[in-house]
Amino acid sequence: MLYFFQQVLNGLHSGALYALLAFGYVLTNGILHRTNLAYGALFAFCGQTMILTAAFGYQALWLTLAAAVALGVAAAVLYAALISHVLSRSVFERLADRSPNAIVVTTLGILIFLSEASRIAADTHDLWLPPMLATPIIFAEGDGFKVTLTVIQLLDCAVVVALVALAAWLFSHSNFGRSWRAVSDDPKAAAMCGVDVTAVFRRAVLFGGFCAALAGVLAGLYYGNVSFGTGLVYGLKILFVTAVGGYLSPLKAALGAAAFGMAESLWAGYFPLEWRDAWIYLFLVAMLVLIGAGRDQAKIA
């Protein structure tokens, strides 16, 4: 039971990162209704930007580690705002009424561009942050086995829970949340009722970008590195998870993604790790087929 408890605690941290990414992804795709392959790349790009900027601040500007990390976080947020601005105005708005394949291909190109930009900036080397707040906190122990989480894991989970809970509450009680739901359901009807569809969409893309940036920063602080190729893996997982749960509620997508992170942790603890992603993807595809068929029948009925 102690070993199982440890795997559950490990799943809390990975599930928190997935939840934050899923919340931000649904904000955009709930309105766009198109596959956005660039979202995972934005997550990895911002995490890599934070690490590269922190390394520059520490080595070249002679800042303290805390100041260098703060500079890296600020750079990641600014890049997220810039990229989200460009995506919403120059990509999504222009291609929203085109074939879904147009956005898929375009965002795939953006994914490749951001991954290559990160690789070139890092000179194809992985830079690592030193371990921070890595002191283990013991939750239970017995027979020489200790169930622990580090301070940085607890802080990451607390930050994500607080932000998702606050965002979900604001989403339910704010004008933006009501406008987002109206635009997601029927943008033309929302526009006829006086909703500024373009402004709502741009704000949704911006908030989604900030979620991706924060997830990248938290992952970089915990793991010490976010590789330039990580974005594709995380992006595909979030794409499948949100597709299974639907795009009607960011909070439900976040909860589903958290459960997905827990399932990954339990698999890693009890089954061969090299087969984890293959079986997880197979399960998500099966769920998507079954749930998608049920949705289609409900719409026909």
C-alpha atoms as a PDB file:
ATOM      1  CA  MET A   1       0.000   0.000   0.000  1.00  0.00           C
ATOM      2  CA  LEU A   2       2.862   2.381   0.667  1.00  0.00           C
ATOM      3  CA  TYR A   3       4.205   1.761  -2.827  1.00  0.00           C
ATOM      4  CA  PHE A   4       0.745   2.397  -4.276  1.00  0.00           C
ATOM      5  CA  PHE A   5       0.482   5.584  -2.220  1.00  0.00           C
ATOM      6  CA  GLN A   6       3.825   6.740  -3.653  1.00  0.00           C
ATOM      7  CA  GLN A   7       2.628   6.192  -7.221  1.00  0.00           C
ATOM      8  CA  VAL A   8      -0.560   8.144  -6.474  1.00  0.00           C
ATOM      9  CA  LEU A   9       1.471  11.070  -5.135  1.00  0.00           C
ATOM     10  CA  ASN A  10       3.723  10.948  -8.189  1.00  0.00           C
ATOM     11  CA  GLY A  11       0.607  11.050 -10.369  1.00  0.00           C
ATOM     12  CA  LEU A  12      -0.598  14.187  -8.629  1.00  0.00           C
ATOM     13  CA  HIS A  13       2.326  16.190  -9.974  1.00  0.00           C
ATOM     14  CA  SER A  14       2.216  14.930 -13.563  1.00  0.00           C
ATOM     15  CA  GLY A  15      -1.581  15.196 -13.490  1.00  0.00           C
ATOM     16  CA  ALA A  16      -1.320  18.828 -12.384  1.00  0.00           C
ATOM     17  CA  LEU A  17       0.795  19.710 -15.431  1.00  0.00           C
ATOM     18  CA  TYR A  18      -1.609  17.903 -17.762  1.00  0.00           C
ATOM     19  CA  ALA A  19      -4.580  19.628 -16.110  1.00  0.00           C
ATOM     20  CA  LEU A  20      -3.136  23.096 -16.649  1.00  0.00           C
ATOM     21  CA  LEU A  21      -2.344  22.320 -20.280  1.00  0.00           C
ATOM     22  CA  ALA A  22      -5.805  20.867 -20.911  1.00  0.00           C
ATOM     23  CA  PHE A  23      -7.518  23.876 -19.357  1.00  0.00           C
ATOM     24  CA  GLY A  24      -5.653  26.258 -21.659  1.00  0.00           C
ATOM     25  CA  TYR A  25      -6.097  24.048 -24.733  1.00  0.00           C
ATOM     26  CA  VAL A  26      -9.881  23.928 -24.360  1.00  0.00           C
ATOM     27  CA  LEU A  27     -10.075  27.718 -24.047  1.00  0.00           C
ATOM     28  CA  THR A  28      -8.877  28.023 -27.649  1.00  0.00           C
ATOM     29  CA  ASN A  29     -10.285  24.893 -29.224  1.00  0.00           C
ATOM     30  CA  GLY A  30     -13.677  25.273 -27.619  1.00  0.00           C
ATOM     31  CA  ILE A  31     -14.168  28.240 -29.959  1.00  0.00           C
ATOM     32  CA  LEU A  32     -11.944  27.259 -32.861  1.00  0.00           C
ATOM     33  CA  HIS A  33     -13.128  23.634 -33.149  1.00  0.00           C
ATOM     34  CA  ARG A  34      -9.935  22.829 -35.016  1.00  0.00           C
ATOM     35  CA  THR A  35      -6.909  20.707 -34.082  1.00  0.00           C
ATOM     36  CA  ASN A  36      -4.068  22.898 -32.818  1.00  0.00           C
ATOM     37  CA  LEU A  37      -0.767  21.012 -32.960  1.00  0.00           C
ATOM     38  CA  ALA A  38       1.229  24.086 -31.952  1.00  0.00           C
ATOM     39  CA  TYR A  39      -0.022  24.111 -28.351  1.00  0.00           C
ATOM     40  CA  GLY A  40       2.406  21.484 -27.090  1.00  0.00           C
ATOM     41  CA  ALA A  41       5.235  23.237 -28.920  1.00  0.00           C
ATOM     42  CA  LEU A  42       4.348  26.470 -27.108  1.00  0.00           C
ATOM     43  CA  PHE A  43       4.565  24.614 -23.789  1.00  0.00           C
ATOM     44  CA  ALA A  44       8.031  23.240 -24.595  1.00  0.00           C
ATOM     45  CA  PHE A  45       9.238  26.493 -26.153  1.00  0.00           C
ATOM     46  CA  CYS A  46       8.323  28.527 -23.072  1.00  0.00           C
ATOM     47  CA  GLY A  47       9.920  25.982 -20.749  1.00  0.00           C
ATOM     48  CA  GLN A  48      13.093  25.972 -22.838  1.00  0.00           C
ATOM     49  CA  THR A  49      13.056  29.784 -23.011  1.00  0.00           C
ATOM     50  CA  MET A  50      12.870  29.990 -19.243  1.00  0.00           C
ATOM     51  CA  ILE A  51      15.867  27.686 -18.859  1.00  0.00           C
ATOM     52  CA  LEU A  52      17.985  29.390 -21.547  1.00  0.00           C
ATOM     53  CA  THR A  53      17.229  32.861 -20.189  1.00  0.00           C
ATOM     54  CA  ALA A  54      17.961  31.755 -16.632  1.00  0.00           C
ATOM     55  CA  ALA A  55      21.295  30.279 -17.764  1.00  0.00           C
ATOM     56  CA  PHE A  56      22.157  33.512 -19.580  1.00  0.00           C
ATOM     57  CA  GLY A  57      21.241  35.616 -16.567  1.00  0.00           C
ATOM     58  CA  TYR A  58      23.283  33.438 -14.226  1.00  0.00           C
ATOM     59  CA  GLN A  59      26.372  33.016 -16.412  1.00  0.00           C
ATOM     60  CA  ALA A  60      26.527  36.274 -18.381  1.00  0.00           C
ATOM     61  CA  LEU A  61      24.723  38.810 -16.177  1.00  0.00           C
ATOM     62  CA  TRP A  62      26.024  37.337 -12.894  1.00  0.00           C
ATOM     63  CA  LEU A  63      22.582  37.294 -11.334  1.00  0.00           C
ATOM     64  CA  THR A  64      21.727  35.150  -8.367  1.00  0.00           C
ATOM     65  CA  LEU A  65      19.972  31.888  -9.166  1.00  0.00           C
ATOM     66  CA  ALA A  66      16.621  33.199  -7.923  1.00  0.00           C
ATOM     67  CA  ALA A  67      16.929  36.403  -9.975  1.00  0.00           C
ATOM     68  CA  ALA A  68      18.020  34.448 -13.059  1.00  0.00           C
ATOM     69  CA  VAL A  69      15.020  32.118 -12.753  1.00  0.00           C
ATOM     70  CA  ALA A  70      12.700  35.110 -12.290  1.00  0.00           C
ATOM     71  CA  LEU A  71      14.149  36.646 -15.458  1.00  0.00           C
ATOM     72  CA  GLY A  72      13.561  33.358 -17.269  1.00  0.00           C
ATOM     73  CA  VAL A  73       9.946  33.198 -16.103  1.00  0.00           C
ATOM     74  CA  ALA A  74       9.349  36.757 -17.313  1.00  0.00           C
ATOM     75  CA  ALA A  75      10.864  35.924 -20.718  1.00  0.00           C
ATOM     76  CA  ALA A  76       8.672  32.806 -21.039  1.00  0.00           C
ATOM     77  CA  VAL A  77       5.506  34.794 -20.274  1.00  0.00           C
ATOM     78  CA  LEU A  78       6.419  37.526 -22.756  1.00  0.00           C
ATOM     79  CA  TYR A  79       7.133  34.985 -25.494  1.00  0.00           C
ATOM     80  CA  ALA A  80       3.825  33.262 -24.751  1.00  0.00           C
ATOM     81  CA  ALA A  81       1.988  36.569 -25.136  1.00  0.00           C
ATOM     82  CA  LEU A  82       3.810  37.348 -28.402  1.00  0.00           C
ATOM     83  CA  ILE A  83       3.255  33.915 -29.943  1.00  0.00           C
ATOM     84  CA  SER A  84      -0.398  33.860 -28.860  1.00  0.00           C
ATOM     85  CA  HIS A  85      -0.889  37.297 -30.404  1.00  0.00           C
ATOM     86  CA  VAL A  86       0.583  36.141 -33.714  1.00  0.00           C
ATOM     87  CA  LEU A  87      -1.350  32.863 -33.700  1.00  0.00           C
ATOM     88  CA  SER A  88      -4.733  34.428 -33.003  1.00  0.00           C
ATOM     89  CA  ARG A  89      -4.458  37.229 -35.555  1.00  0.00           C
ATOM     90  CA  SER A  90      -2.289  35.805 -38.308  1.00  0.00           C
ATOM     91  CA  VAL A  91      -3.212  32.102 -38.238  1.00  0.00           C
ATOM     92  CA  PHE A  92      -6.432  31.147 -36.479  1.00  0.00           C
ATOM     93  CA  GLU A  93      -8.589  34.093 -37.538  1.00  0.00           C
ATOM     94  CA  ARG A  94      -7.519  33.788 -41.171  1.00  0.00           C
ATOM     95  CA  LEU A  95      -8.020  30.014 -41.339  1.00  0.00           C
ATOM     96  CA  ALA A  96     -11.017  29.550 -39.032  1.00  0.00           C
ATOM     97  CA  ASP A  97     -13.477  29.272 -41.921  1.00  0.00           C
ATOM     98  CA  ARG A  98     -11.235  27.145 -44.122  1.00  0.00           C
ATOM     99  CA  SER A  99     -10.859  23.385 -44.208  1.00  0.00           C
ATOM    100  CA  PRO A 100      -9.805  21.862 -40.841  1.00  0.00           C
ATOM    101  CA  ASN A 101      -6.731  20.494 -42.607  1.00  0.00           C
ATOM    102  CA  ALA A 102      -5.503  24.037 -43.200  1.00  0.00           C
ATOM    103  CA  ILE A 103      -5.067  24.728 -39.477  1.00  0.00           C
ATOM    104  CA  VAL A 104      -3.661  21.245 -38.835  1.00  0.00           C
ATOM    105  CA  VAL A 105      -0.949  21.727 -41.459  1.00  0.00           C
ATOM    106  CA  THR A 106      -0.220  25.312 -40.407  1.00  0.00           C
ATOM    107  CA  THR A 107       0.066  24.507 -36.710  1.00  0.00           C
ATOM    108  CA  LEU A 108       2.268  21.517 -37.569  1.00  0.00           C
ATOM    109  CA  GLY A 109       4.589  23.942 -39.345  1.00  0.00           C
ATOM    110  CA  ILE A 110       4.549  26.225 -36.298  1.00  0.00           C
ATOM    111  CA  LEU A 111       5.372  23.238 -34.094  1.00  0.00           C
ATOM    112  CA  ILE A 112       8.398  22.433 -36.242  1.00  0.00           C
ATOM    113  CA  PHE A 113       9.459  26.102 -36.296  1.00  0.00           C
ATOM    114  CA  LEU A 114       9.273  26.493 -32.507  1.00  0.00           C
ATOM    115  CA  SER A 115      11.056  23.175 -31.915  1.00  0.00           C
ATOM    116  CA  GLU A 116      13.846  24.096 -34.320  1.00  0.00           C
ATOM    117  CA  ALA A 117      14.118  27.602 -32.848  1.00  0.00           C
ATOM    118  CA  SER A 118      14.581  26.072 -29.385  1.00  0.00           C
ATOM    119  CA  ARG A 119      17.125  23.583 -30.719  1.00  0.00           C
ATOM    120  CA  ILE A 120      19.156  26.256 -32.511  1.00  0.00           C
ATOM    121  CA  ALA A 121      19.035  28.608 -29.517  1.00  0.00           C
ATOM    122  CA  ALA A 122      20.358  25.802 -27.295  1.00  0.00           C
ATOM    123  CA  ASP A 123      22.931  24.791 -29.924  1.00  0.00           C
ATOM    124  CA  THR A 124      21.440  21.265 -29.821  1.00  0.00           C
ATOM    125  CA  HIS A 125      22.562  20.931 -26.194  1.00  0.00           C
ATOM    126  CA  ASP A 126      20.381  20.282 -23.173  1.00  0.00           C
ATOM    127  CA  LEU A 127      20.914  22.876 -20.468  1.00  0.00           C
ATOM    128  CA  TRP A 128      19.897  21.864 -16.959  1.00  0.00           C
ATOM    129  CA  LEU A 129      18.866  23.930 -13.978  1.00  0.00           C
ATOM    130  CA  PRO A 130      20.293  22.846 -10.618  1.00  0.00           C
ATOM    131  CA  PRO A 131      17.903  20.995  -8.306  1.00  0.00           C
ATOM    132  CA  MET A 132      15.725  23.497  -6.487  1.00  0.00           C
ATOM    133  CA  LEU A 133      13.533  22.910  -3.438  1.00  0.00           C
ATOM    134  CA  ALA A 134      14.295  19.206  -3.737  1.00  0.00           C
ATOM    135  CA  THR A 135      13.954  18.477  -0.006  1.00  0.00           C
ATOM    136  CA  PRO A 136      11.687  15.410   0.379  1.00  0.00           C
ATOM    137  CA  ILE A 137       8.660  15.628   2.638  1.00  0.00           C
ATOM    138  CA  ILE A 138       7.677  12.303   4.177  1.00  0.00           C
ATOM    139  CA  PHE A 139       3.971  11.442   4.135  1.00  0.00           C
ATOM    140  CA  ALA A 140       4.242   7.871   5.425  1.00  0.00           C
ATOM    141  CA  GLU A 141       6.885   5.232   6.055  1.00  0.00           C
ATOM    142  CA  GLY A 142       7.167   1.619   7.048  1.00  0.00           C
ATOM    143  CA  ASP A 143       9.633  -1.267   6.721  1.00  0.00           C
ATOM    144  CA  GLY A 144      12.292   1.119   5.471  1.00  0.00           C
ATOM    145  CA  PHE A 145      10.115   2.515   2.656  1.00  0.00           C
ATOM    146  CA  LYS A 146       9.263   6.228   2.708  1.00  0.00           C
ATOM    147  CA  VAL A 147       6.437   7.871   0.777  1.00  0.00           C
ATOM    148  CA  THR A 148       7.656  11.326  -0.204  1.00  0.00           C
ATOM    149  CA  LEU A 149       7.135  14.340  -2.403  1.00  0.00           C
ATOM    150  CA  THR A 150       9.649  17.149  -2.797  1.00  0.00           C
ATOM    151  CA  VAL A 151       8.897  20.743  -1.929  1.00  0.00           C
ATOM    152  CA  ILE A 152       8.928  21.774  -5.597  1.00  0.00           C
ATOM    153  CA  GLN A 153       6.372  19.073  -6.441  1.00  0.00           C
ATOM    154  CA  LEU A 154       4.054  20.279  -3.697  1.00  0.00           C
ATOM    155  CA  LEU A 155       4.452  23.896  -4.786  1.00  0.00           C
ATOM    156  CA  ASP A 156       3.736  22.991  -8.426  1.00  0.00           C
ATOM    157  CA  CYS A 157       0.580  21.105  -7.422  1.00  0.00           C
ATOM    158  CA  ALA A 158      -0.565  23.927  -5.136  1.00  0.00           C
ATOM    159  CA  VAL A 159      -0.021  26.561  -7.839  1.00  0.00           C
ATOM    160  CA  VAL A 160      -1.931  24.549 -10.454  1.00  0.00           C
ATOM    161  CA  VAL A 161      -4.834  23.716  -8.130  1.00  0.00           C
ATOM    162  CA  ALA A 162      -5.151  27.331  -7.038  1.00  0.00           C
ATOM    163  CA  LEU A 163      -4.976  28.725 -10.575  1.00  0.00           C
ATOM    164  CA  VAL A 164      -7.348  26.190 -12.118  1.00  0.00           C
ATOM    165  CA  ALA A 165      -9.853  26.627  -9.283  1.00  0.00           C
ATOM    166  CA  LEU A 166      -9.674  30.427  -9.543  1.00  0.00           C
ATOM    167  CA  ALA A 167      -9.892  30.364 -13.346  1.00  0.00           C
ATOM    168  CA  ALA A 168     -12.843  27.956 -13.246  1.00  0.00           C
ATOM    169  CA  TRP A 169     -14.672  30.164 -10.743  1.00  0.00           C
ATOM    170  CA  LEU A 170     -14.032  33.294 -12.803  1.00  0.00           C
ATOM    171  CA  PHE A 171     -15.026  31.400 -15.922  1.00  0.00           C
ATOM    172  CA  SER A 172     -18.385  30.567 -14.366  1.00  0.00           C
ATOM    173  CA  HIS A 173     -19.094  34.014 -12.924  1.00  0.00           C
ATOM    174  CA  SER A 174     -17.570  36.490 -15.387  1.00  0.00           C
ATOM    175  CA  ASN A 175     -18.780  38.127 -18.579  1.00  0.00           C
ATOM    176  CA  PHE A 176     -15.883  36.533 -20.434  1.00  0.00           C
ATOM    177  CA  GLY A 177     -16.979  33.059 -19.373  1.00  0.00           C
ATOM    178  CA  ARG A 178     -20.539  33.645 -20.503  1.00  0.00           C
ATOM    179  CA  SER A 179     -19.339  35.142 -23.786  1.00  0.00           C
ATOM    180  CA  TRP A 180     -16.948  32.227 -24.316  1.00  0.00           C
ATOM    181  CA  ARG A 181     -19.730  29.690 -23.863  1.00  0.00           C
ATOM    182  CA  ALA A 182     -21.975  31.626 -26.243  1.00  0.00           C
ATOM    183  CA  VAL A 183     -19.287  31.871 -28.922  1.00  0.00           C
ATOM    184  CA  SER A 184     -18.342  28.221 -28.477  1.00  0.00           C
ATOM    185  CA  ASP A 185     -21.951  27.148 -28.948  1.00  0.00           C
ATOM    186  CA  ASP A 186     -22.852  29.412 -31.894  1.00  0.00           C
ATOM    187  CA  PRO A 187     -20.562  32.317 -32.867  1.00  0.00           C
ATOM    188  CA  LYS A 188     -23.021  33.835 -35.352  1.00  0.00           C
ATOM    189  CA  ALA A 189     -25.863  33.879 -32.852  1.00  0.00           C
ATOM    190  CA  ALA A 190     -23.503  35.321 -30.215  1.00  0.00           C
ATOM    191  CA  ALA A 191     -22.476  38.096 -32.618  1.00  0.00           C
ATOM    192  CA  MET A 192     -26.129  38.902 -33.314  1.00  0.00           C
ATOM    193  CA  CYS A 193     -26.654  39.255 -29.554  1.00  0.00           C
ATOM    194  CA  GLY A 194     -23.876  41.842 -29.306  1.00  0.00           C
ATOM    195  CA  VAL A 195     -20.930  39.641 -28.287  1.00  0.00           C
ATOM    196  CA  ASP A 196     -17.579  40.718 -29.742  1.00  0.00           C
ATOM    197  CA  VAL A 197     -16.590  37.307 -31.096  1.00  0.00           C
ATOM    198  CA  THR A 198     -13.135  38.396 -32.243  1.00  0.00           C
ATOM    199  CA  ALA A 199     -12.226  39.917 -28.870  1.00  0.00           C
ATOM    200  CA  VAL A 200     -13.436  36.826 -26.996  1.00  0.00           C
ATOM    201  CA  PHE A 201     -11.423  34.552 -29.267  1.00  0.00           C
ATOM    202  CA  ARG A 202      -8.243  36.621 -28.932  1.00  0.00           C
ATOM    203  CA  ARG A 203      -8.517  36.659 -25.155  1.00  0.00           C
ATOM    204  CA  ALA A 204      -9.106  32.902 -25.101  1.00  0.00           C
ATOM    205  CA  VAL A 205      -5.983  32.276 -27.186  1.00  0.00           C
ATOM    206  CA  LEU A 206      -3.966  34.601 -24.932  1.00  0.00           C
ATOM    207  CA  PHE A 207      -5.143  32.937 -21.718  1.00  0.00           C
ATOM    208  CA  GLY A 208      -4.478  29.522 -23.250  1.00  0.00           C
ATOM    209  CA  GLY A 209      -0.957  30.630 -24.135  1.00  0.00           C
ATOM    210  CA  PHE A 210      -0.348  31.757 -20.566  1.00  0.00           C
ATOM    211  CA  CYS A 211      -1.475  28.322 -19.317  1.00  0.00           C
ATOM    212  CA  ALA A 212       1.001  26.642 -21.671  1.00  0.00           C
ATOM    213  CA  ALA A 213       3.779  29.001 -20.566  1.00  0.00           C
ATOM    214  CA  LEU A 214       3.127  28.389 -16.874  1.00  0.00           C
ATOM    215  CA  ALA A 215       3.048  24.625 -17.410  1.00  0.00           C
ATOM    216  CA  GLY A 216       6.367  24.859 -19.259  1.00  0.00           C
ATOM    217  CA  VAL A 217       7.891  26.917 -16.451  1.00  0.00           C
ATOM    218  CA  LEU A 218       6.684  24.516 -13.743  1.00  0.00           C
ATOM    219  CA  ALA A 219       7.962  21.521 -15.709  1.00  0.00           C
ATOM    220  CA  GLY A 220      11.330  23.207 -16.226  1.00  0.00           C
ATOM    221  CA  LEU A 221      11.690  24.054 -12.540  1.00  0.00           C
ATOM    222  CA  TYR A 222      10.892  20.484 -11.485  1.00  0.00           C
ATOM    223  CA  TYR A 223      12.670  18.426 -14.140  1.00  0.00           C
ATOM    224  CA  GLY A 224      15.485  20.931 -14.654  1.00  0.00           C
ATOM    225  CA  ASN A 225      15.138  20.637 -18.417  1.00  0.00           C
ATOM    226  CA  VAL A 226      12.432  20.765 -21.079  1.00  0.00           C
ATOM    227  CA  SER A 227      13.748  19.326 -24.327  1.00  0.00           C
ATOM    228  CA  PHE A 228      12.875  21.001 -27.624  1.00  0.00           C
ATOM    229  CA  GLY A 229      11.241  17.743 -28.750  1.00  0.00           C
ATOM    230  CA  THR A 230       8.958  17.443 -25.728  1.00  0.00           C
ATOM    231  CA  GLY A 231       6.214  19.591 -27.219  1.00  0.00           C
ATOM    232  CA  LEU A 232       5.004  17.017 -29.735  1.00  0.00           C
ATOM    233  CA  VAL A 233       4.519  14.320 -27.079  1.00  0.00           C
ATOM    234  CA  TYR A 234       2.692  16.564 -24.626  1.00  0.00           C
ATOM    235  CA  GLY A 235       0.664  18.166 -27.392  1.00  0.00           C
ATOM    236  CA  LEU A 236      -0.610  14.837 -28.708  1.00  0.00           C
ATOM    237  CA  LYS A 237      -1.541  13.619 -25.239  1.00  0.00           C
ATOM    238  CA  ILE A 238      -3.491  16.780 -24.440  1.00  0.00           C
ATOM    239  CA  LEU A 239      -5.133  16.641 -27.870  1.00  0.00           C
ATOM    240  CA  PHE A 240      -6.414  13.107 -27.259  1.00  0.00           C
ATOM    241  CA  VAL A 241      -7.448  13.736 -23.655  1.00  0.00           C
ATOM    242  CA  THR A 242      -9.468  16.853 -24.493  1.00  0.00           C
ATOM    243  CA  ALA A 243     -10.965  15.196 -27.573  1.00  0.00           C
ATOM    244  CA  VAL A 244     -12.262  12.372 -25.380  1.00  0.00           C
ATOM    245  CA  GLY A 245     -13.725  14.750 -22.794  1.00  0.00           C
ATOM    246  CA  GLY A 246     -15.018  17.353 -25.221  1.00  0.00           C
ATOM    247  CA  TYR A 247     -14.405  21.081 -25.498  1.00  0.00           C
ATOM    248  CA  LEU A 248     -17.454  22.387 -23.625  1.00  0.00           C
ATOM    249  CA  SER A 249     -15.856  22.796 -20.193  1.00  0.00           C
ATOM    250  CA  PRO A 250     -12.211  23.709 -19.446  1.00  0.00           C
ATOM    251  CA  LEU A 251     -12.616  22.476 -15.866  1.00  0.00           C
ATOM    252  CA  LYS A 252     -13.836  19.038 -16.927  1.00  0.00           C
ATOM    253  CA  ALA A 253     -10.964  18.820 -19.412  1.00  0.00           C
ATOM    254  CA  ALA A 254      -8.527  19.685 -16.608  1.00  0.00           C
ATOM    255  CA  LEU A 255      -9.976  17.017 -14.315  1.00  0.00           C
ATOM    256  CA  GLY A 256      -9.820  14.427 -17.098  1.00  0.00           C
ATOM    257  CA  ALA A 257      -6.209  15.345 -17.831  1.00  0.00           C
ATOM    258  CA  ALA A 258      -5.356  15.017 -14.131  1.00  0.00           C
ATOM    259  CA  ALA A 259      -6.845  11.500 -14.147  1.00  0.00           C
ATOM    260  CA  PHE A 260      -4.780  10.750 -17.235  1.00  0.00           C
ATOM    261  CA  GLY A 261      -1.602  11.811 -15.417  1.00  0.00           C
ATOM    262  CA  MET A 262      -2.533   9.571 -12.508  1.00  0.00           C
ATOM    263  CA  ALA A 263      -3.048   6.624 -14.884  1.00  0.00           C
ATOM    264  CA  GLU A 264       0.373   7.217 -16.427  1.00  0.00           C
ATOM    265  CA  SER A 265       2.012   7.212 -13.007  1.00  0.00           C
ATOM    266  CA  LEU A 266       0.289   3.977 -11.961  1.00  0.00           C
ATOM    267  CA  TRP A 267       1.303   2.306 -15.223  1.00  0.00           C
ATOM    268  CA  ALA A 268       4.926   3.370 -14.714  1.00  0.00           C
ATOM    269  CA  GLY A 269       4.838   1.900 -11.213  1.00  0.00           C
ATOM    270  CA  TYR A 270       3.400  -1.518 -12.087  1.00  0.00           C
ATOM    271  CA  PHE A 271       4.032  -2.235 -15.772  1.00  0.00           C
ATOM    272  CA  PRO A 272       6.944  -1.958 -18.252  1.00  0.00           C
ATOM    273  CA  LEU A 273       7.715   1.730 -18.758  1.00  0.00           C
ATOM    274  CA  GLU A 274       8.674   1.346 -22.429  1.00  0.00           C
ATOM    275  CA  TRP A 275       5.107   0.258 -23.248  1.00  0.00           C
ATOM    276  CA  ARG A 276       3.383   3.018 -21.304  1.00  0.00           C
ATOM    277  CA  ASP A 277       2.797   5.538 -24.094  1.00  0.00           C
ATOM    278  CA  ALA A 278       1.716   2.877 -26.583  1.00  0.00           C
ATOM    279  CA  TRP A 279      -0.978   1.468 -24.301  1.00  0.00           C
ATOM    280  CA  ILE A 280      -2.078   4.912 -23.109  1.00  0.00           C
ATOM    281  CA  TYR A 281      -2.519   6.098 -26.693  1.00  0.00           C
ATOM    282  CA  LEU A 282      -4.392   2.908 -27.557  1.00  0.00           C
ATOM    283  CA  PHE A 283      -6.736   3.445 -24.618  1.00  0.00           C
ATOM    284  CA  LEU A 284      -7.358   7.082 -25.588  1.00  0.00           C
ATOM    285  CA  VAL A 285      -8.082   6.153 -29.200  1.00  0.00           C
ATOM    286  CA  ALA A 286     -10.532   3.466 -28.077  1.00  0.00           C
ATOM    287  CA  MET A 287     -12.257   5.926 -25.731  1.00  0.00           C
ATOM    288  CA  LEU A 288     -12.407   8.537 -28.484  1.00  0.00           C
ATOM    289  CA  VAL A 289     -14.033   6.074 -30.892  1.00  0.00           C
ATOM    290  CA  LEU A 290     -16.600   4.889 -28.338  1.00  0.00           C
ATOM    291  CA  ILE A 291     -17.445   8.292 -26.905  1.00  0.00           C
ATOM    292  CA  GLY A 292     -17.406   9.937 -30.324  1.00  0.00           C
ATOM    293  CA  ALA A 293     -19.891   7.393 -31.605  1.00  0.00           C
ATOM    294  CA  GLY A 294     -22.145   8.089 -28.627  1.00  0.00           C
ATOM    295  CA  ARG A 295     -21.993  11.841 -29.287  1.00  0.00           C
ATOM    296  CA  ASP A 296     -22.860  11.348 -32.946  1.00  0.00           C
ATOM    297  CA  GLN A 297     -25.881   9.210 -32.052  1.00  0.00           C
ATOM    298  CA  ALA A 298     -27.004  11.793 -29.489  1.00  0.00           C
ATOM    299  CA  LYS A 299     -26.775  14.582 -32.079  1.00  0.00           C
ATOM    300  CA  ILE A 300     -28.747  12.515 -34.622  1.00  0.00           C
ATOM    301  CA  ALA A 301     -31.388  11.767 -31.998  1.00  0.00           C
END
